[in-house]
Amino acid sequence: MNTSNNSNSSNKTPNNRRVVDSEFRYKTVDDICVETNLYSILGVDRSCTSEELRKAYISRSRICHPDKFPEYPKATEAFQKLAYAYETLNKPSSRRAYDVSGTSDLGSVNGTGDETLHGVLYQMFLEFMDGDFEMIRALVSNPGLNLGDDAIETLETAFRRMRELLLAGKKYVKIVQFELIRLYEIQQQLRALSYFDVFGRLRLTMQLARLTLTIPMLIDKSMKAEFEQSGVKGVNKGLLGDGMAKVIGGLVAVLERGEQFV
């Protein structure tokens, strides 16, 4: 009997998995909407660290974001409550005040919640560029990818320019917000793996690299579209040159194929 149950569970069709995922999302939204405890809204313990708080906020924001859940108006309310809970608990002074009083003014929650999410993703991506990006640089420098020194240098220049764009403002964070959320989730999965899980680490590193390379492509596409709408022609005003865009597109395709064999 147990074997049968396990078999049914492991052989779920894509449609069945979508139904389960959808039911989970509806339940998460409904639970957040009726919850008044800020820790419970985020799904964390009172003793959680700042990083655990951020992880929970990003994870639940992806589930509840109205752009990903347009058919369910309650998602907007849940998304706003998540932002309010995170803003309150992420600041030591307001967190202490809440821990002492146990009350919060959830009735004053307003706005879209996007400003909070974009601020968190913006900071997270800058941290990634300053730290874990070395892992991506090592991967794209792999001799097996047959990239010349000029191509690698051009790629690094493109990422430095993207970093400068993000430092100048959060305009482009919204364009790649769901890619940034997924990037963060892969980072967390990678850090949770055993050091000896070689294939698992390789698979996640390839996913991380592919997703990281996709981000400048999306920003490049958006910048070019904005420039074309301005009516000016003959000059490439994107983040990447046409040649670099092709190189990155080729790398993404190679990484996608590689993930299938790891």
Protein backbone atom coordinates (compact mmCIF):
# COMPACT_ATOMS: atom_id res chain seq x y z
CA MET A 1 0.00 0.00 0.00
CA ASN A 2 2.81 2.41 0.88
CA THR A 3 4.54 1.51 -2.36
CA SER A 4 1.42 2.41 -4.31
CA ASN A 5 1.14 5.78 -2.59
CA ASN A 6 4.77 6.58 -3.27
CA SER A 7 4.35 5.58 -6.89
CA ASN A 8 1.31 7.80 -7.31
CA SER A 9 3.16 10.70 -5.76
CA SER A 10 6.28 10.33 -7.88
CA ASN A 11 4.32 9.87 -11.12
CA LYS A 12 2.24 13.02 -10.95
CA THR A 13 1.59 14.45 -14.40
CA PRO A 14 2.57 18.07 -15.13
CA ASN A 15 -1.11 19.01 -14.96
CA ASN A 16 -1.47 17.41 -11.53
CA ARG A 17 1.66 19.18 -10.30
CA ARG A 18 0.24 22.50 -11.50
CA VAL A 19 -2.99 21.83 -9.62
CA VAL A 20 -1.06 21.03 -6.41
CA ASP A 21 1.11 24.13 -6.85
CA SER A 22 -1.95 26.30 -7.48
CA GLU A 23 -3.74 24.94 -4.42
CA PHE A 24 -0.65 25.64 -2.30
CA ARG A 25 -0.49 29.23 -3.57
CA TYR A 26 -4.17 29.88 -2.87
CA LYS A 27 -3.79 28.47 0.64
CA THR A 28 -0.68 30.56 1.30
CA VAL A 29 -2.45 33.74 0.19
CA ASP A 30 -5.55 32.94 2.25
CA ASP A 31 -3.47 32.15 5.36
CA ILE A 32 -1.56 35.44 5.07
CA CYS A 33 -4.75 37.45 4.60
CA VAL A 34 -6.31 36.19 7.85
CA GLU A 35 -3.08 36.24 9.89
CA THR A 36 -2.28 39.12 12.25
CA ASN A 37 1.03 37.94 13.73
CA LEU A 38 3.88 39.41 11.68
CA TYR A 39 6.16 36.40 12.17
CA SER A 40 3.39 34.05 11.03
CA ILE A 41 2.70 36.23 7.98
CA LEU A 42 6.27 35.59 6.89
CA GLY A 43 6.28 32.00 8.11
CA VAL A 44 9.29 32.42 10.44
CA ASP A 45 10.06 31.91 14.13
CA ARG A 46 10.47 34.81 16.53
CA SER A 47 14.15 33.91 16.87
CA CYS A 48 14.83 34.12 13.11
CA THR A 49 17.92 35.91 11.82
CA SER A 50 17.89 38.79 9.34
CA GLU A 51 18.92 36.44 6.54
CA GLU A 52 16.15 33.97 7.42
CA LEU A 53 13.73 36.88 7.41
CA ARG A 54 14.87 37.95 3.95
CA LYS A 55 14.73 34.39 2.63
CA ALA A 56 11.16 33.93 3.86
CA TYR A 57 10.07 37.31 2.49
CA ILE A 58 11.50 36.68 -0.98
CA SER A 59 10.08 33.15 -1.12
CA ARG A 60 6.57 34.20 -0.12
CA SER A 61 6.66 37.28 -2.34
CA ARG A 62 7.19 35.05 -5.37
CA ILE A 63 4.17 32.96 -4.37
CA CYS A 64 1.89 35.93 -3.72
CA HIS A 65 3.05 38.55 -6.20
CA PRO A 66 -0.04 39.98 -7.99
CA ASP A 67 1.75 39.90 -11.36
CA LYS A 68 2.07 36.12 -11.02
CA PHE A 69 -1.38 35.69 -9.49
CA PRO A 70 -3.62 38.17 -11.38
CA GLU A 71 -6.72 35.98 -11.19
CA TYR A 72 -6.87 36.21 -7.38
CA PRO A 73 -7.38 39.74 -5.97
CA LYS A 74 -6.48 38.58 -2.45
CA ALA A 75 -2.88 38.20 -3.66
CA THR A 76 -2.48 41.99 -3.59
CA GLU A 77 -3.54 42.15 0.06
CA ALA A 78 -1.23 39.27 0.98
CA PHE A 79 1.68 40.86 -0.91
CA GLN A 80 1.17 44.17 0.90
CA LYS A 81 1.03 42.45 4.29
CA LEU A 82 4.27 40.61 3.52
CA ALA A 83 6.00 43.91 2.74
CA TYR A 84 4.67 45.50 5.93
CA ALA A 85 5.74 42.52 8.08
CA TYR A 86 9.21 42.49 6.55
CA GLU A 87 9.72 46.24 6.89
CA THR A 88 8.67 46.07 10.54
CA LEU A 89 10.72 43.04 11.55
CA ASN A 90 13.79 43.91 9.49
CA LYS A 91 14.41 47.10 11.48
CA PRO A 92 15.80 46.32 14.95
CA SER A 93 13.95 49.19 16.63
CA SER A 94 10.51 48.39 15.21
CA ARG A 95 11.09 44.67 15.73
CA ARG A 96 11.86 45.25 19.42
CA ALA A 97 8.78 47.43 19.76
CA TYR A 98 6.61 44.77 18.13
CA ASP A 99 8.10 41.98 20.28
CA VAL A 100 7.25 43.97 23.40
CA SER A 101 3.75 45.11 22.43
CA GLY A 102 2.70 42.22 20.22
CA THR A 103 0.54 44.61 18.21
CA SER A 104 0.89 46.22 14.79
CA ASP A 105 -1.17 48.59 12.70
CA LEU A 106 -2.03 46.26 9.84
CA GLY A 107 -4.96 48.50 9.04
CA SER A 108 -2.53 51.09 7.71
CA VAL A 109 -1.05 48.74 5.10
CA ASN A 110 -1.21 50.32 1.67
CA GLY A 111 0.75 50.66 -1.53
CA THR A 112 1.72 47.83 -3.86
CA GLY A 113 4.58 46.34 -1.85
CA ASP A 114 6.80 46.42 -4.94
CA GLU A 115 9.07 49.12 -3.53
CA THR A 116 10.01 46.89 -0.60
CA LEU A 117 10.58 43.85 -2.82
CA HIS A 118 12.66 45.79 -5.34
CA GLY A 119 14.79 47.24 -2.56
CA VAL A 120 15.49 43.77 -1.15
CA LEU A 121 16.27 42.30 -4.59
CA TYR A 122 18.43 45.28 -5.48
CA GLN A 123 20.57 44.82 -2.38
CA MET A 124 20.70 41.07 -2.85
CA PHE A 125 21.93 41.33 -6.43
CA LEU A 126 24.63 43.86 -5.53
CA GLU A 127 25.84 41.44 -2.84
CA PHE A 128 25.89 38.68 -5.42
CA MET A 129 27.88 40.78 -7.89
CA ASP A 130 30.40 41.61 -5.16
CA GLY A 131 30.75 38.03 -3.96
CA ASP A 132 29.36 34.95 -5.65
CA PHE A 133 29.87 36.33 -9.15
CA GLU A 134 33.41 34.97 -8.98
CA MET A 135 31.82 31.55 -9.38
CA ILE A 136 30.15 32.64 -12.62
CA ARG A 137 33.38 34.18 -13.90
CA ALA A 138 35.21 30.90 -13.28
CA LEU A 139 32.53 28.94 -15.13
CA VAL A 140 32.45 31.13 -18.26
CA SER A 141 36.27 31.05 -18.31
CA ASN A 142 36.19 27.25 -18.60
CA PRO A 143 38.25 26.16 -21.64
CA GLY A 144 35.43 23.81 -22.63
CA LEU A 145 33.24 26.79 -23.58
CA ASN A 146 35.85 27.98 -26.08
CA LEU A 147 35.51 31.65 -25.18
CA GLY A 148 38.46 33.83 -26.06
CA ASP A 149 39.99 36.34 -23.66
CA ASP A 150 38.35 39.22 -25.55
CA ALA A 151 34.89 37.69 -25.20
CA ILE A 152 35.37 37.09 -21.47
CA GLU A 153 36.61 40.65 -20.97
CA THR A 154 33.64 42.03 -22.93
CA LEU A 155 31.27 39.93 -20.83
CA GLU A 156 32.77 41.24 -17.60
CA THR A 157 32.50 44.80 -18.95
CA ALA A 158 28.80 44.23 -19.66
CA PHE A 159 28.22 43.03 -16.10
CA ARG A 160 30.10 46.01 -14.66
CA ARG A 161 27.91 48.33 -16.72
CA MET A 162 24.81 46.50 -15.53
CA ARG A 163 25.96 46.94 -11.95
CA GLU A 164 26.39 50.68 -12.56
CA LEU A 165 22.88 50.85 -13.99
CA LEU A 166 21.46 49.16 -10.91
CA LEU A 167 23.45 51.43 -8.63
CA ALA A 168 22.00 54.46 -10.43
CA GLY A 169 18.47 53.35 -9.64
CA LYS A 170 16.02 50.47 -9.35
CA LYS A 171 14.32 51.02 -12.71
CA TYR A 172 15.54 47.77 -14.21
CA VAL A 173 15.03 45.68 -11.07
CA LYS A 174 11.31 45.42 -11.85
CA ILE A 175 12.07 44.05 -15.32
CA VAL A 176 14.10 41.15 -13.92
CA GLN A 177 12.46 40.79 -10.49
CA PHE A 178 11.37 37.17 -10.92
CA GLU A 179 14.77 36.19 -12.34
CA LEU A 180 16.40 37.80 -9.29
CA ILE A 181 14.09 35.88 -6.96
CA ARG A 182 15.00 32.61 -8.67
CA LEU A 183 18.68 33.57 -8.53
CA TYR A 184 18.43 34.00 -4.77
CA GLU A 185 16.62 30.68 -4.37
CA ILE A 186 19.31 28.83 -6.33
CA GLN A 187 21.99 30.48 -4.17
CA GLN A 188 20.24 29.20 -1.05
CA GLN A 189 19.91 25.67 -2.47
CA LEU A 190 23.58 25.67 -3.43
CA ARG A 191 24.70 26.73 0.03
CA ALA A 192 22.55 24.02 1.62
CA LEU A 193 24.16 21.23 -0.42
CA SER A 194 26.88 19.03 0.96
CA TYR A 195 30.35 19.93 -0.29
CA PHE A 196 30.68 16.33 -1.49
CA ASP A 197 27.55 16.47 -3.66
CA VAL A 198 29.62 17.21 -6.76
CA PHE A 199 26.91 16.68 -9.36
CA GLY A 200 24.31 18.58 -7.36
CA ARG A 201 26.64 21.53 -6.96
CA LEU A 202 27.58 21.45 -10.64
CA ARG A 203 23.93 21.38 -11.71
CA LEU A 204 22.99 24.32 -9.48
CA THR A 205 26.09 26.26 -10.50
CA MET A 206 25.12 25.85 -14.15
CA GLN A 207 21.58 27.02 -13.36
CA LEU A 208 23.02 29.98 -11.49
CA ALA A 209 25.28 30.86 -14.41
CA ARG A 210 22.50 30.51 -16.98
CA LEU A 211 20.12 32.68 -14.99
CA THR A 212 22.81 35.28 -14.28
CA LEU A 213 23.59 35.52 -18.00
CA THR A 214 19.88 35.86 -18.81
CA ILE A 215 19.55 39.01 -16.67
CA PRO A 216 21.72 41.34 -18.83
CA MET A 217 19.98 39.97 -21.93
CA LEU A 218 16.58 41.01 -20.54
CA ILE A 219 17.85 44.46 -19.57
CA ASP A 220 19.48 44.83 -22.99
CA LYS A 221 16.20 43.97 -24.71
CA SER A 222 14.31 46.50 -22.59
CA MET A 223 16.83 49.27 -23.21
CA LYS A 224 16.75 48.67 -26.97
CA ALA A 225 12.94 48.68 -26.99
CA GLU A 226 12.90 52.01 -25.13
CA PHE A 227 15.39 53.46 -27.58
CA GLU A 228 13.42 52.27 -30.62
CA GLN A 229 10.27 53.85 -29.21
CA SER A 230 12.10 57.17 -29.07
CA GLY A 231 12.28 57.13 -32.87
CA VAL A 232 16.07 57.46 -33.11
CA LYS A 233 17.69 54.88 -35.37
CA GLY A 234 21.14 53.70 -36.34
CA VAL A 235 22.74 53.50 -32.88
CA ASN A 236 22.77 50.55 -30.50
CA LYS A 237 21.63 51.90 -27.14
CA GLY A 238 21.30 48.61 -25.33
CA LEU A 239 23.42 47.19 -22.55
CA LEU A 240 25.14 44.76 -24.92
CA GLY A 241 26.51 45.07 -28.41
CA ASP A 242 24.97 42.79 -31.01
CA GLY A 243 28.03 40.55 -30.94
CA MET A 244 28.01 40.23 -27.16
CA ALA A 245 24.29 39.50 -27.15
CA LYS A 246 24.92 36.58 -29.51
CA VAL A 247 27.80 35.31 -27.37
CA ILE A 248 25.68 35.37 -24.21
CA GLY A 249 22.73 33.77 -26.01
CA GLY A 250 25.05 30.99 -27.15
CA LEU A 251 26.35 30.49 -23.61
CA VAL A 252 22.81 30.26 -22.23
CA ALA A 253 21.98 27.59 -24.84
CA VAL A 254 25.14 25.62 -23.96
CA LEU A 255 24.32 25.76 -20.25
CA GLU A 256 20.74 24.67 -20.86
CA ARG A 257 21.97 21.61 -22.74
CA GLY A 258 24.58 20.91 -20.08
CA GLU A 259 21.99 20.87 -17.29
CA GLN A 260 20.22 17.99 -19.01
CA PHE A 261 23.26 15.74 -18.63
CA VAL A 262 24.22 16.53 -15.03
